[in-house]
Amino acid sequence: GISRISASGGSTNYADSVKGRFTISRDNAKNTIYL
């Protein structure tokens, strides 16, 4: 598991192996999540 984002997008989590390099986000209008 490397990242997680809450339903609202207000909370994110990252594994140490990717922290600072990867960013998770979401666009609920497009029903799509990005990494």
PDB file of all heavy atoms in Angstrom:
ATOM      1  N   GLY A   1       0.841  -1.181   0.000  1.00  0.00           N
ATOM      2  CA  GLY A   1       0.000   0.000   0.000  1.00  0.00           C
ATOM      3  C   GLY A   1       0.878   1.234   0.000  1.00  0.00           C
ATOM      4  O   GLY A   1       1.749   1.371   0.871  1.00  0.00           O
ATOM      5  N   ILE A   2       0.684   2.136  -0.959  1.00  0.00           N
ATOM      6  CA  ILE A   2       1.574   3.282  -1.049  1.00  0.00           C
ATOM      7  C   ILE A   2       0.884   4.606  -0.794  1.00  0.00           C
ATOM      8  O   ILE A   2       1.551   5.587  -0.417  1.00  0.00           O
ATOM      9  CB  ILE A   2       2.316   3.327  -2.400  1.00  0.00           C
ATOM     10  CG1 ILE A   2       1.333   3.349  -3.580  1.00  0.00           C
ATOM     11  CG2 ILE A   2       3.294   2.176  -2.518  1.00  0.00           C
ATOM     12  CD1 ILE A   2       1.999   3.582  -4.916  1.00  0.00           C
ATOM     13  N   SER A   3      -0.437   4.668  -0.969  1.00  0.00           N
ATOM     14  CA  SER A   3      -1.120   5.928  -0.718  1.00  0.00           C
ATOM     15  C   SER A   3      -2.603   5.684  -0.594  1.00  0.00           C
ATOM     16  O   SER A   3      -3.150   4.715  -1.109  1.00  0.00           O
ATOM     17  CB  SER A   3      -0.844   6.927  -1.845  1.00  0.00           C
ATOM     18  OG  SER A   3      -1.355   8.201  -1.518  1.00  0.00           O
ATOM     19  N   ARG A   4      -3.250   6.615   0.111  1.00  0.00           N
ATOM     20  CA  ARG A   4      -4.693   6.562   0.285  1.00  0.00           C
ATOM     21  C   ARG A   4      -5.221   7.972   0.398  1.00  0.00           C
ATOM     22  O   ARG A   4      -4.548   8.865   0.929  1.00  0.00           O
ATOM     23  CB  ARG A   4      -5.033   5.732   1.537  1.00  0.00           C
ATOM     24  CG  ARG A   4      -6.484   5.861   2.054  1.00  0.00           C
ATOM     25  CD  ARG A   4      -6.530   6.800   3.229  1.00  0.00           C
ATOM     26  NE  ARG A   4      -7.861   7.031   3.751  1.00  0.00           N
ATOM     27  CZ  ARG A   4      -8.163   8.050   4.556  1.00  0.00           C
ATOM     28  NH1 ARG A   4      -7.237   8.913   4.918  1.00  0.00           N
ATOM     29  NH2 ARG A   4      -9.391   8.220   4.994  1.00  0.00           N
ATOM     30  N   ILE A   5      -6.452   8.184  -0.127  1.00  0.00           N
ATOM     31  CA  ILE A   5      -7.106   9.481  -0.023  1.00  0.00           C
ATOM     32  C   ILE A   5      -8.517   9.272   0.468  1.00  0.00           C
ATOM     33  O   ILE A   5      -9.189   8.305   0.089  1.00  0.00           O
ATOM     34  CB  ILE A   5      -7.076  10.225  -1.377  1.00  0.00           C
ATOM     35  CG1 ILE A   5      -7.553  11.662  -1.225  1.00  0.00           C
ATOM     36  CG2 ILE A   5      -7.883   9.486  -2.448  1.00  0.00           C
ATOM     37  CD1 ILE A   5      -7.242  12.552  -2.440  1.00  0.00           C
ATOM     38  N   SER A   6      -8.970  10.151   1.335  1.00  0.00           N
ATOM     39  CA  SER A   6     -10.313  10.046   1.884  1.00  0.00           C
ATOM     40  C   SER A   6     -11.356  10.407   0.829  1.00  0.00           C
ATOM     41  O   SER A   6     -11.032  10.918  -0.239  1.00  0.00           O
ATOM     42  CB  SER A   6     -10.456  10.959   3.101  1.00  0.00           C
ATOM     43  OG  SER A   6     -10.309  12.314   2.704  1.00  0.00           O
ATOM     44  N   ALA A   7     -12.625  10.156   1.172  1.00  0.00           N
ATOM     45  CA  ALA A   7     -13.709  10.416   0.226  1.00  0.00           C
ATOM     46  C   ALA A   7     -13.770  11.894  -0.166  1.00  0.00           C
ATOM     47  O   ALA A   7     -14.028  12.230  -1.326  1.00  0.00           O
ATOM     48  CB  ALA A   7     -15.040   9.973   0.822  1.00  0.00           C
ATOM     49  N   SER A   8     -13.519  12.768   0.774  1.00  0.00           N
ATOM     50  CA  SER A   8     -13.578  14.199   0.492  1.00  0.00           C
ATOM     51  C   SER A   8     -12.308  14.726  -0.147  1.00  0.00           C
ATOM     52  O   SER A   8     -12.284  15.825  -0.697  1.00  0.00           O
ATOM     53  CB  SER A   8     -13.822  14.973   1.792  1.00  0.00           C
ATOM     54  OG  SER A   8     -12.685  14.877   2.636  1.00  0.00           O
ATOM     55  N   GLY A   9     -11.237  13.949  -0.043  1.00  0.00           N
ATOM     56  CA  GLY A   9      -9.938  14.413  -0.518  1.00  0.00           C
ATOM     57  C   GLY A   9      -9.168  15.194   0.510  1.00  0.00           C
ATOM     58  O   GLY A   9      -8.034  15.612   0.268  1.00  0.00           O
ATOM     59  N   GLY A  10      -9.755  15.370   1.692  1.00  0.00           N
ATOM     60  CA  GLY A  10      -9.105  16.192   2.700  1.00  0.00           C
ATOM     61  C   GLY A  10      -8.029  15.494   3.505  1.00  0.00           C
ATOM     62  O   GLY A  10      -7.266  16.140   4.220  1.00  0.00           O
ATOM     63  N   SER A  11      -7.960  14.195   3.404  1.00  0.00           N
ATOM     64  CA  SER A  11      -6.979  13.412   4.166  1.00  0.00           C
ATOM     65  C   SER A  11      -6.238  12.478   3.222  1.00  0.00           C
ATOM     66  O   SER A  11      -6.863  11.775   2.420  1.00  0.00           O
ATOM     67  CB  SER A  11      -7.699  12.603   5.245  1.00  0.00           C
ATOM     68  OG  SER A  11      -6.827  11.686   5.865  1.00  0.00           O
ATOM     69  N   THR A  12      -4.928  12.493   3.338  1.00  0.00           N
ATOM     70  CA  THR A  12      -4.108  11.599   2.507  1.00  0.00           C
ATOM     71  C   THR A  12      -3.066  10.900   3.375  1.00  0.00           C
ATOM     72  O   THR A  12      -2.683  11.392   4.446  1.00  0.00           O
ATOM     73  CB  THR A  12      -3.389  12.372   1.394  1.00  0.00           C
ATOM     74  OG1 THR A  12      -2.576  13.399   1.967  1.00  0.00           O
ATOM     75  CG2 THR A  12      -4.384  12.992   0.423  1.00  0.00           C
ATOM     76  N   ASN A  13      -2.621   9.764   2.889  1.00  0.00           N
ATOM     77  CA  ASN A  13      -1.586   8.992   3.581  1.00  0.00           C
ATOM     78  C   ASN A  13      -0.597   8.460   2.549  1.00  0.00           C
ATOM     79  O   ASN A  13      -0.977   8.184   1.409  1.00  0.00           O
ATOM     80  CB  ASN A  13      -2.189   7.799   4.330  1.00  0.00           C
ATOM     81  CG  ASN A  13      -3.284   8.198   5.276  1.00  0.00           C
ATOM     82  OD1 ASN A  13      -4.456   8.182   4.919  1.00  0.00           O
ATOM     83  ND2 ASN A  13      -2.914   8.580   6.485  1.00  0.00           N
ATOM     84  N   TYR A  14       0.653   8.315   2.982  1.00  0.00           N
ATOM     85  CA  TYR A  14       1.686   7.824   2.082  1.00  0.00           C
ATOM     86  C   TYR A  14       2.604   6.855   2.819  1.00  0.00           C
ATOM     87  O   TYR A  14       2.910   7.042   4.000  1.00  0.00           O
ATOM     88  CB  TYR A  14       2.538   8.978   1.547  1.00  0.00           C
ATOM     89  CG  TYR A  14       1.772   9.959   0.707  1.00  0.00           C
ATOM     90  CD1 TYR A  14       1.229  11.109   1.270  1.00  0.00           C
ATOM     91  CD2 TYR A  14       1.577   9.733  -0.657  1.00  0.00           C
ATOM     92  CE1 TYR A  14       0.511  12.007   0.501  1.00  0.00           C
ATOM     93  CE2 TYR A  14       0.857  10.633  -1.438  1.00  0.00           C
ATOM     94  CZ  TYR A  14       0.328  11.762  -0.841  1.00  0.00           C
ATOM     95  OH  TYR A  14      -0.385  12.646  -1.606  1.00  0.00           O
ATOM     96  N   ALA A  15       3.060   5.856   2.092  1.00  0.00           N
ATOM     97  CA  ALA A  15       4.110   5.001   2.614  1.00  0.00           C
ATOM     98  C   ALA A  15       5.424   5.781   2.617  1.00  0.00           C
ATOM     99  O   ALA A  15       5.620   6.680   1.797  1.00  0.00           O
ATOM    100  CB  ALA A  15       4.245   3.753   1.748  1.00  0.00           C
ATOM    101  N   ASP A  16       6.306   5.419   3.530  1.00  0.00           N
ATOM    102  CA  ASP A  16       7.589   6.104   3.611  1.00  0.00           C
ATOM    103  C   ASP A  16       8.363   6.002   2.300  1.00  0.00           C
ATOM    104  O   ASP A  16       9.117   6.914   1.948  1.00  0.00           O
ATOM    105  CB  ASP A  16       8.426   5.509   4.744  1.00  0.00           C
ATOM    106  CG  ASP A  16       7.907   5.894   6.114  1.00  0.00           C
ATOM    107  OD1 ASP A  16       7.093   6.847   6.211  1.00  0.00           O
ATOM    108  OD2 ASP A  16       8.289   5.248   7.090  1.00  0.00           O
ATOM    109  N   SER A  17       8.171   4.920   1.586  1.00  0.00           N
ATOM    110  CA  SER A  17       8.923   4.690   0.353  1.00  0.00           C
ATOM    111  C   SER A  17       8.589   5.692  -0.752  1.00  0.00           C
ATOM    112  O   SER A  17       9.382   5.854  -1.689  1.00  0.00           O
ATOM    113  CB  SER A  17       8.671   3.258  -0.151  1.00  0.00           C
ATOM    114  OG  SER A  17       7.284   3.044  -0.359  1.00  0.00           O
ATOM    115  N   VAL A  18       7.441   6.361  -0.651  1.00  0.00           N
ATOM    116  CA  VAL A  18       7.036   7.285  -1.720  1.00  0.00           C
ATOM    117  C   VAL A  18       6.779   8.699  -1.205  1.00  0.00           C
ATOM    118  O   VAL A  18       6.540   9.617  -2.001  1.00  0.00           O
ATOM    119  CB  VAL A  18       5.781   6.786  -2.461  1.00  0.00           C
ATOM    120  CG1 VAL A  18       6.002   5.367  -2.988  1.00  0.00           C
ATOM    121  CG2 VAL A  18       4.552   6.850  -1.572  1.00  0.00           C
ATOM    122  N   LYS A  19       6.835   8.890   0.097  1.00  0.00           N
ATOM    123  CA  LYS A  19       6.511  10.183   0.680  1.00  0.00           C
ATOM    124  C   LYS A  19       7.447  11.263   0.139  1.00  0.00           C
ATOM    125  O   LYS A  19       8.658  11.065   0.054  1.00  0.00           O
ATOM    126  CB  LYS A  19       6.622  10.105   2.207  1.00  0.00           C
ATOM    127  CG  LYS A  19       5.950  11.218   2.964  1.00  0.00           C
ATOM    128  CD  LYS A  19       5.974  10.936   4.465  1.00  0.00           C
ATOM    129  CE  LYS A  19       5.140   9.740   4.830  1.00  0.00           C
ATOM    130  NZ  LYS A  19       5.113   9.481   6.294  1.00  0.00           N
ATOM    131  N   GLY A  20       6.865  12.378  -0.260  1.00  0.00           N
ATOM    132  CA  GLY A  20       7.647  13.477  -0.808  1.00  0.00           C
ATOM    133  C   GLY A  20       7.861  13.383  -2.305  1.00  0.00           C
ATOM    134  O   GLY A  20       8.308  14.351  -2.934  1.00  0.00           O
ATOM    135  N   ARG A  21       7.559  12.233  -2.890  1.00  0.00           N
ATOM    136  CA  ARG A  21       7.728  12.059  -4.344  1.00  0.00           C
ATOM    137  C   ARG A  21       6.394  11.832  -5.057  1.00  0.00           C
ATOM    138  O   ARG A  21       6.242  12.232  -6.212  1.00  0.00           O
ATOM    139  CB  ARG A  21       8.634  10.852  -4.618  1.00  0.00           C
ATOM    140  CG  ARG A  21      10.031  10.981  -4.032  1.00  0.00           C
ATOM    141  CD  ARG A  21      10.941   9.847  -4.501  1.00  0.00           C
ATOM    142  NE  ARG A  21      10.455   8.530  -4.077  1.00  0.00           N
ATOM    143  CZ  ARG A  21      10.188   7.533  -4.914  1.00  0.00           C
ATOM    144  NH1 ARG A  21      10.345   7.691  -6.222  1.00  0.00           N
ATOM    145  NH2 ARG A  21       9.762   6.357  -4.444  1.00  0.00           N
ATOM    146  N   PHE A  22       5.460  11.183  -4.391  1.00  0.00           N
ATOM    147  CA  PHE A  22       4.164  10.867  -4.985  1.00  0.00           C
ATOM    148  C   PHE A  22       3.082  11.738  -4.346  1.00  0.00           C
ATOM    149  O   PHE A  22       3.143  12.042  -3.151  1.00  0.00           O
ATOM    150  CB  PHE A  22       3.798   9.409  -4.758  1.00  0.00           C
ATOM    151  CG  PHE A  22       4.630   8.404  -5.518  1.00  0.00           C
ATOM    152  CD1 PHE A  22       5.795   8.768  -6.194  1.00  0.00           C
ATOM    153  CD2 PHE A  22       4.248   7.073  -5.552  1.00  0.00           C
ATOM    154  CE1 PHE A  22       6.553   7.844  -6.877  1.00  0.00           C
ATOM    155  CE2 PHE A  22       4.985   6.124  -6.234  1.00  0.00           C
ATOM    156  CZ  PHE A  22       6.142   6.510  -6.894  1.00  0.00           C
ATOM    157  N   THR A  23       2.074  12.083  -5.148  1.00  0.00           N
ATOM    158  CA  THR A  23       0.942  12.859  -4.654  1.00  0.00           C
ATOM    159  C   THR A  23      -0.350  12.250  -5.162  1.00  0.00           C
ATOM    160  O   THR A  23      -0.514  12.061  -6.376  1.00  0.00           O
ATOM    161  CB  THR A  23       1.020  14.318  -5.112  1.00  0.00           C
ATOM    162  OG1 THR A  23       2.259  14.899  -4.669  1.00  0.00           O
ATOM    163  CG2 THR A  23      -0.141  15.124  -4.535  1.00  0.00           C
ATOM    164  N   ILE A  24      -1.239  11.945  -4.235  1.00  0.00           N
ATOM    165  CA  ILE A  24      -2.550  11.408  -4.604  1.00  0.00           C
ATOM    166  C   ILE A  24      -3.563  12.543  -4.597  1.00  0.00           C
ATOM    167  O   ILE A  24      -3.498  13.456  -3.763  1.00  0.00           O
ATOM    168  CB  ILE A  24      -2.965  10.277  -3.628  1.00  0.00           C
ATOM    169  CG1 ILE A  24      -4.191   9.527  -4.137  1.00  0.00           C
ATOM    170  CG2 ILE A  24      -3.187  10.809  -2.211  1.00  0.00           C
ATOM    171  CD1 ILE A  24      -4.512   8.262  -3.337  1.00  0.00           C
ATOM    172  N   SER A  25      -4.501  12.494  -5.539  1.00  0.00           N
ATOM    173  CA  SER A  25      -5.552  13.513  -5.601  1.00  0.00           C
ATOM    174  C   SER A  25      -6.785  12.880  -6.226  1.00  0.00           C
ATOM    175  O   SER A  25      -6.737  11.760  -6.754  1.00  0.00           O
ATOM    176  CB  SER A  25      -5.087  14.721  -6.415  1.00  0.00           C
ATOM    177  OG  SER A  25      -4.796  14.351  -7.748  1.00  0.00           O
ATOM    178  N   ARG A  26      -7.873  13.600  -6.156  1.00  0.00           N
ATOM    179  CA  ARG A  26      -9.101  13.084  -6.727  1.00  0.00           C
ATOM    180  C   ARG A  26      -9.938  14.195  -7.317  1.00  0.00           C
ATOM    181  O   ARG A  26      -9.892  15.336  -6.842  1.00  0.00           O
ATOM    182  CB  ARG A  26      -9.909  12.294  -5.687  1.00  0.00           C
ATOM    183  CG  ARG A  26     -10.462  13.082  -4.535  1.00  0.00           C
ATOM    184  CD  ARG A  26     -11.022  12.145  -3.452  1.00  0.00           C
ATOM    185  NE  ARG A  26     -12.096  11.313  -3.968  1.00  0.00           N
ATOM    186  CZ  ARG A  26     -12.444  10.140  -3.446  1.00  0.00           C
ATOM    187  NH1 ARG A  26     -11.800   9.658  -2.401  1.00  0.00           N
ATOM    188  NH2 ARG A  26     -13.438   9.447  -3.968  1.00  0.00           N
ATOM    189  N   ASP A  27     -10.690  13.842  -8.344  1.00  0.00           N
ATOM    190  CA  ASP A  27     -11.641  14.754  -8.973  1.00  0.00           C
ATOM    191  C   ASP A  27     -12.966  13.999  -8.986  1.00  0.00           C
ATOM    192  O   ASP A  27     -13.221  13.194  -9.894  1.00  0.00           O
ATOM    193  CB  ASP A  27     -11.181  15.113 -10.378  1.00  0.00           C
ATOM    194  CG  ASP A  27     -12.059  16.155 -11.036  1.00  0.00           C
ATOM    195  OD1 ASP A  27     -13.232  16.310 -10.597  1.00  0.00           O
ATOM    196  OD2 ASP A  27     -11.608  16.806 -11.985  1.00  0.00           O
ATOM    197  N   ASN A  28     -13.780  14.253  -7.981  1.00  0.00           N
ATOM    198  CA  ASN A  28     -15.036  13.501  -7.878  1.00  0.00           C
ATOM    199  C   ASN A  28     -15.985  13.820  -9.026  1.00  0.00           C
ATOM    200  O   ASN A  28     -16.805  12.981  -9.403  1.00  0.00           O
ATOM    201  CB  ASN A  28     -15.698  13.762  -6.527  1.00  0.00           C
ATOM    202  CG  ASN A  28     -15.006  13.017  -5.393  1.00  0.00           C
ATOM    203  OD1 ASN A  28     -14.136  12.184  -5.619  1.00  0.00           O
ATOM    204  ND2 ASN A  28     -15.386  13.324  -4.165  1.00  0.00           N
ATOM    205  N   ALA A  29     -15.877  15.002  -9.585  1.00  0.00           N
ATOM    206  CA  ALA A  29     -16.731  15.357 -10.729  1.00  0.00           C
ATOM    207  C   ALA A  29     -16.432  14.453 -11.924  1.00  0.00           C
ATOM    208  O   ALA A  29     -17.322  14.156 -12.731  1.00  0.00           O
ATOM    209  CB  ALA A  29     -16.537  16.816 -11.100  1.00  0.00           C
ATOM    210  N   LYS A  30     -15.166  14.022 -12.028  1.00  0.00           N
ATOM    211  CA  LYS A  30     -14.764  13.135 -13.116  1.00  0.00           C
ATOM    212  C   LYS A  30     -14.741  11.674 -12.683  1.00  0.00           C
ATOM    213  O   LYS A  30     -14.389  10.809 -13.483  1.00  0.00           O
ATOM    214  CB  LYS A  30     -13.388  13.537 -13.645  1.00  0.00           C
ATOM    215  CG  LYS A  30     -13.368  14.904 -14.310  1.00  0.00           C
ATOM    216  CD  LYS A  30     -11.989  15.222 -14.881  1.00  0.00           C
ATOM    217  CE  LYS A  30     -11.998  16.576 -15.586  1.00  0.00           C
ATOM    218  NZ  LYS A  30     -10.667  16.919 -16.143  1.00  0.00           N
ATOM    219  N   ASN A  31     -15.063  11.455 -11.391  1.00  0.00           N
ATOM    220  CA  ASN A  31     -15.056  10.085 -10.867  1.00  0.00           C
ATOM    221  C   ASN A  31     -13.697   9.413 -11.079  1.00  0.00           C
ATOM    222  O   ASN A  31     -13.606   8.233 -11.438  1.00  0.00           O
ATOM    223  CB  ASN A  31     -16.155   9.240 -11.536  1.00  0.00           C
ATOM    224  CG  ASN A  31     -16.842   8.294 -10.569  1.00  0.00           C
ATOM    225  OD1 ASN A  31     -16.818   8.490  -9.353  1.00  0.00           O
ATOM    226  ND2 ASN A  31     -17.457   7.254 -11.100  1.00  0.00           N
ATOM    227  N   THR A  32     -12.653  10.182 -10.823  1.00  0.00           N
ATOM    228  CA  THR A  32     -11.294   9.730 -11.136  1.00  0.00           C
ATOM    229  C   THR A  32     -10.338  10.115 -10.016  1.00  0.00           C
ATOM    230  O   THR A  32     -10.459  11.188  -9.418  1.00  0.00           O
ATOM    231  CB  THR A  32     -10.813  10.352 -12.459  1.00  0.00           C
ATOM    232  OG1 THR A  32     -11.707   9.971 -13.513  1.00  0.00           O
ATOM    233  CG2 THR A  32      -9.412   9.877 -12.812  1.00  0.00           C
ATOM    234  N   ILE A  33      -9.404   9.207  -9.767  1.00  0.00           N
ATOM    235  CA  ILE A  33      -8.339   9.417  -8.787  1.00  0.00           C
ATOM    236  C   ILE A  33      -7.013   9.453  -9.542  1.00  0.00           C
ATOM    237  O   ILE A  33      -6.844   8.739 -10.535  1.00  0.00           O
ATOM    238  CB  ILE A  33      -8.301   8.261  -7.764  1.00  0.00           C
ATOM    239  CG1 ILE A  33      -9.684   7.977  -7.220  1.00  0.00           C
ATOM    240  CG2 ILE A  33      -7.305   8.550  -6.648  1.00  0.00           C
ATOM    241  CD1 ILE A  33     -10.307   9.118  -6.482  1.00  0.00           C
ATOM    242  N   TYR A  34      -6.082  10.253  -9.050  1.00  0.00           N
ATOM    243  CA  TYR A  34      -4.789  10.383  -9.710  1.00  0.00           C
ATOM    244  C   TYR A  34      -3.657  10.065  -8.736  1.00  0.00           C
ATOM    245  O   TYR A  34      -3.787  10.239  -7.530  1.00  0.00           O
ATOM    246  CB  TYR A  34      -4.599  11.810 -10.225  1.00  0.00           C
ATOM    247  CG  TYR A  34      -5.688  12.250 -11.160  1.00  0.00           C
ATOM    248  CD1 TYR A  34      -6.731  13.049 -10.702  1.00  0.00           C
ATOM    249  CD2 TYR A  34      -5.689  11.859 -12.502  1.00  0.00           C
ATOM    250  CE1 TYR A  34      -7.750  13.452 -11.544  1.00  0.00           C
ATOM    251  CE2 TYR A  34      -6.701  12.264 -13.356  1.00  0.00           C
ATOM    252  CZ  TYR A  34      -7.728  13.049 -12.873  1.00  0.00           C
ATOM    253  OH  TYR A  34      -8.728  13.440 -13.717  1.00  0.00           O
ATOM    254  N   LEU A  35      -2.564   9.606  -9.308  1.00  0.00           N
ATOM    255  CA  LEU A  35      -1.327   9.451  -8.543  1.00  0.00           C
ATOM    256  C   LEU A  35      -0.210  10.062  -9.370  1.00  0.00           C
ATOM    257  O   LEU A  35       0.190   9.509 -10.389  1.00  0.00           O
ATOM    258  CB  LEU A  35      -1.031   7.979  -8.247  1.00  0.00           C
ATOM    259  CG  LEU A  35       0.180   7.747  -7.338  1.00  0.00           C
ATOM    260  CD1 LEU A  35      -0.122   8.243  -5.913  1.00  0.00           C
ATOM    261  CD2 LEU A  35       0.592   6.279  -7.310  1.00  0.00           C
TER     262      LEU A  35
END
